[in-house]
Amino acid sequence: MSRADTLRFRHHQAVLVAAVIATIGALPLAAARAYLLPVLLVPLVVAAWAWRSGTDADRRELRLRALVGSRRVPWEQVVELTADPRGRAVVRLADGQQLLLPAVRGVDLPRLVSITGQALPDPR
């Protein structure tokens, strides 16, 4: 599948901007003492997470991306797509496992289903 056939969900870029600003703000603290250098790691890890994590979907599978690693879930294993009480998208698999879809909200579920080529049932 080409990139044009893939629906990508990522976290809002404001998180990345906030992490860059936090890194700049932590520089004077880290420069004051050598043992404070690890303070710089926190905003850098948040920036990497915001840049990398998310969900990719195409006709064959879902790909859940985290800071480290990813997981591929074929559509054949998906039993249900739903939203939790906080508005985050959740997928239930045939083996009973439930996975939170990174960067996907409940309101995005119709777009997610449309990439599979299946029609949504009429809500009426």
C-alpha atoms as a PDB file:
ATOM      1  CA  MET A   1       0.000   0.000   0.000  1.00  0.00           C
ATOM      2  CA  SER A   2       1.206   3.487  -0.711  1.00  0.00           C
ATOM      3  CA  ARG A   3       1.336   6.264   1.826  1.00  0.00           C
ATOM      4  CA  ALA A   4      -1.687   7.824   0.086  1.00  0.00           C
ATOM      5  CA  ASP A   5      -3.736   4.737   1.031  1.00  0.00           C
ATOM      6  CA  THR A   6      -2.756   5.018   4.696  1.00  0.00           C
ATOM      7  CA  LEU A   7      -4.698   7.052   7.241  1.00  0.00           C
ATOM      8  CA  ARG A   8      -2.346   8.473   9.872  1.00  0.00           C
ATOM      9  CA  PHE A   9      -3.302   9.723  13.331  1.00  0.00           C
ATOM     10  CA  ARG A  10      -0.691  11.618  15.339  1.00  0.00           C
ATOM     11  CA  HIS A  11      -0.722  13.626  18.550  1.00  0.00           C
ATOM     12  CA  HIS A  12      -1.210  17.360  18.286  1.00  0.00           C
ATOM     13  CA  GLN A  13       1.987  19.187  17.351  1.00  0.00           C
ATOM     14  CA  ALA A  14       1.523  21.571  20.280  1.00  0.00           C
ATOM     15  CA  VAL A  15       2.924  18.794  22.494  1.00  0.00           C
ATOM     16  CA  LEU A  16       6.101  18.811  20.422  1.00  0.00           C
ATOM     17  CA  VAL A  17       6.365  22.604  20.633  1.00  0.00           C
ATOM     18  CA  ALA A  18       5.838  22.488  24.416  1.00  0.00           C
ATOM     19  CA  ALA A  19       8.599  19.888  24.733  1.00  0.00           C
ATOM     20  CA  VAL A  20      11.012  22.067  22.751  1.00  0.00           C
ATOM     21  CA  ILE A  21      10.180  25.073  24.942  1.00  0.00           C
ATOM     22  CA  ALA A  22      10.651  22.932  28.076  1.00  0.00           C
ATOM     23  CA  THR A  23      14.038  21.798  26.770  1.00  0.00           C
ATOM     24  CA  ILE A  24      15.126  25.401  26.254  1.00  0.00           C
ATOM     25  CA  GLY A  25      13.832  26.277  29.718  1.00  0.00           C
ATOM     26  CA  ALA A  26      15.734  23.380  31.300  1.00  0.00           C
ATOM     27  CA  LEU A  27      19.070  24.351  29.752  1.00  0.00           C
ATOM     28  CA  PRO A  28      20.053  26.893  32.464  1.00  0.00           C
ATOM     29  CA  LEU A  29      19.145  24.393  35.187  1.00  0.00           C
ATOM     30  CA  ALA A  30      21.154  21.609  33.541  1.00  0.00           C
ATOM     31  CA  ALA A  31      24.094  23.944  32.951  1.00  0.00           C
ATOM     32  CA  ALA A  32      24.204  24.967  36.623  1.00  0.00           C
ATOM     33  CA  ARG A  33      25.326  21.577  37.912  1.00  0.00           C
ATOM     34  CA  ALA A  34      26.490  18.434  36.137  1.00  0.00           C
ATOM     35  CA  TYR A  35      24.220  16.169  38.178  1.00  0.00           C
ATOM     36  CA  LEU A  36      21.193  18.092  36.817  1.00  0.00           C
ATOM     37  CA  LEU A  37      21.935  17.151  33.184  1.00  0.00           C
ATOM     38  CA  PRO A  38      19.395  14.287  33.211  1.00  0.00           C
ATOM     39  CA  VAL A  39      16.666  16.927  33.627  1.00  0.00           C
ATOM     40  CA  LEU A  40      17.080  17.562  29.897  1.00  0.00           C
ATOM     41  CA  LEU A  41      16.036  13.996  29.125  1.00  0.00           C
ATOM     42  CA  VAL A  42      12.426  14.468  30.231  1.00  0.00           C
ATOM     43  CA  PRO A  43      11.388  17.042  27.603  1.00  0.00           C
ATOM     44  CA  LEU A  44      13.471  15.277  24.956  1.00  0.00           C
ATOM     45  CA  VAL A  45      11.664  11.981  25.606  1.00  0.00           C
ATOM     46  CA  VAL A  46       8.299  13.777  25.489  1.00  0.00           C
ATOM     47  CA  ALA A  47       9.278  15.353  22.153  1.00  0.00           C
ATOM     48  CA  ALA A  48      10.288  11.973  20.729  1.00  0.00           C
ATOM     49  CA  TRP A  49       7.018  10.428  21.948  1.00  0.00           C
ATOM     50  CA  ALA A  50       4.929  13.220  20.395  1.00  0.00           C
ATOM     51  CA  TRP A  51       6.778  12.881  17.109  1.00  0.00           C
ATOM     52  CA  ARG A  52       6.696   9.077  16.864  1.00  0.00           C
ATOM     53  CA  SER A  53       3.580   7.675  18.542  1.00  0.00           C
ATOM     54  CA  GLY A  54       0.265   7.333  16.783  1.00  0.00           C
ATOM     55  CA  THR A  55      -1.898   5.010  14.714  1.00  0.00           C
ATOM     56  CA  ASP A  56      -1.660   4.147  11.015  1.00  0.00           C
ATOM     57  CA  ALA A  57      -4.496   2.348   9.235  1.00  0.00           C
ATOM     58  CA  ASP A  58      -4.849   0.906   5.766  1.00  0.00           C
ATOM     59  CA  ARG A  59      -7.023  -1.762   4.125  1.00  0.00           C
ATOM     60  CA  ARG A  60      -5.007  -4.623   5.636  1.00  0.00           C
ATOM     61  CA  GLU A  61      -4.136  -3.617   9.191  1.00  0.00           C
ATOM     62  CA  LEU A  62      -3.804  -1.159  12.021  1.00  0.00           C
ATOM     63  CA  ARG A  63      -0.310  -0.193  13.116  1.00  0.00           C
ATOM     64  CA  LEU A  64      -0.026   1.135  16.667  1.00  0.00           C
ATOM     65  CA  ARG A  65       3.187   3.088  17.162  1.00  0.00           C
ATOM     66  CA  ALA A  66       4.668   3.898  20.556  1.00  0.00           C
ATOM     67  CA  LEU A  67       7.842   5.669  21.656  1.00  0.00           C
ATOM     68  CA  VAL A  68       9.698   2.381  21.334  1.00  0.00           C
ATOM     69  CA  GLY A  69       8.283  -0.302  19.056  1.00  0.00           C
ATOM     70  CA  SER A  70       5.057  -0.805  17.187  1.00  0.00           C
ATOM     71  CA  ARG A  71       2.334  -3.411  16.868  1.00  0.00           C
ATOM     72  CA  ARG A  72       0.498  -4.535  13.744  1.00  0.00           C
ATOM     73  CA  VAL A  73      -3.111  -5.677  14.108  1.00  0.00           C
ATOM     74  CA  PRO A  74      -4.776  -7.215  11.028  1.00  0.00           C
ATOM     75  CA  TRP A  75      -8.391  -6.124  10.545  1.00  0.00           C
ATOM     76  CA  GLU A  76      -9.426  -9.796  10.725  1.00  0.00           C
ATOM     77  CA  GLN A  77      -8.532  -9.790  14.440  1.00  0.00           C
ATOM     78  CA  VAL A  78     -10.642  -6.694  15.185  1.00  0.00           C
ATOM     79  CA  VAL A  79     -14.018  -7.466  16.741  1.00  0.00           C
ATOM     80  CA  GLU A  80     -15.079  -3.984  17.827  1.00  0.00           C
ATOM     81  CA  LEU A  81     -14.056  -0.348  17.585  1.00  0.00           C
ATOM     82  CA  THR A  82     -15.465   1.858  20.303  1.00  0.00           C
ATOM     83  CA  ALA A  83     -14.765   4.953  22.385  1.00  0.00           C
ATOM     84  CA  ASP A  84     -14.063   4.867  26.113  1.00  0.00           C
ATOM     85  CA  PRO A  85     -15.708   7.319  28.545  1.00  0.00           C
ATOM     86  CA  ARG A  86     -12.808   9.760  28.056  1.00  0.00           C
ATOM     87  CA  GLY A  87     -13.376   9.879  24.282  1.00  0.00           C
ATOM     88  CA  ARG A  88     -10.339   7.798  23.300  1.00  0.00           C
ATOM     89  CA  ALA A  89     -10.666   5.095  20.645  1.00  0.00           C
ATOM     90  CA  VAL A  90     -10.358   1.492  21.784  1.00  0.00           C
ATOM     91  CA  VAL A  91     -10.163  -1.668  19.685  1.00  0.00           C
ATOM     92  CA  ARG A  92     -11.283  -5.058  21.008  1.00  0.00           C
ATOM     93  CA  LEU A  93      -9.577  -8.071  19.462  1.00  0.00           C
ATOM     94  CA  ALA A  94     -10.862 -11.602  18.850  1.00  0.00           C
ATOM     95  CA  ASP A  95      -8.781 -12.925  21.779  1.00  0.00           C
ATOM     96  CA  GLY A  96     -10.553 -10.508  24.172  1.00  0.00           C
ATOM     97  CA  GLN A  97      -7.661  -8.085  24.425  1.00  0.00           C
ATOM     98  CA  GLN A  98      -8.452  -4.353  24.355  1.00  0.00           C
ATOM     99  CA  LEU A  99      -5.981  -1.836  22.939  1.00  0.00           C
ATOM    100  CA  LEU A 100      -6.049   1.922  23.159  1.00  0.00           C
ATOM    101  CA  LEU A 101      -5.402   3.469  19.745  1.00  0.00           C
ATOM    102  CA  PRO A 102      -2.757   6.176  20.193  1.00  0.00           C
ATOM    103  CA  ALA A 103      -3.833   9.640  18.949  1.00  0.00           C
ATOM    104  CA  VAL A 104      -7.253   8.405  17.782  1.00  0.00           C
ATOM    105  CA  ARG A 105     -10.381   9.908  19.343  1.00  0.00           C
ATOM    106  CA  GLY A 106     -13.865   8.451  19.357  1.00  0.00           C
ATOM    107  CA  VAL A 107     -15.019  11.016  16.800  1.00  0.00           C
ATOM    108  CA  ASP A 108     -12.347   9.716  14.392  1.00  0.00           C
ATOM    109  CA  LEU A 109     -13.809   6.193  14.280  1.00  0.00           C
ATOM    110  CA  PRO A 110     -15.946   6.769  11.121  1.00  0.00           C
ATOM    111  CA  ARG A 111     -12.796   7.863   9.234  1.00  0.00           C
ATOM    112  CA  LEU A 112     -10.970   4.821  10.578  1.00  0.00           C
ATOM    113  CA  VAL A 113     -13.704   2.446   9.404  1.00  0.00           C
ATOM    114  CA  SER A 114     -13.908   4.129   5.987  1.00  0.00           C
ATOM    115  CA  ILE A 115     -10.272   3.252   5.214  1.00  0.00           C
ATOM    116  CA  THR A 116     -11.232  -0.441   5.375  1.00  0.00           C
ATOM    117  CA  GLY A 117     -13.677   0.004   2.498  1.00  0.00           C
ATOM    118  CA  GLN A 118     -16.626  -1.139   4.592  1.00  0.00           C
ATOM    119  CA  ALA A 119     -19.774   0.926   4.960  1.00  0.00           C
ATOM    120  CA  LEU A 120     -20.956   2.189   8.310  1.00  0.00           C
ATOM    121  CA  PRO A 121     -24.458   1.203   9.424  1.00  0.00           C
ATOM    122  CA  ASP A 122     -27.076   3.939   9.214  1.00  0.00           C
ATOM    123  CA  PRO A 123     -27.474   5.431  12.734  1.00  0.00           C
ATOM    124  CA  ARG A 124     -31.239   5.821  12.228  1.00  0.00           C
END
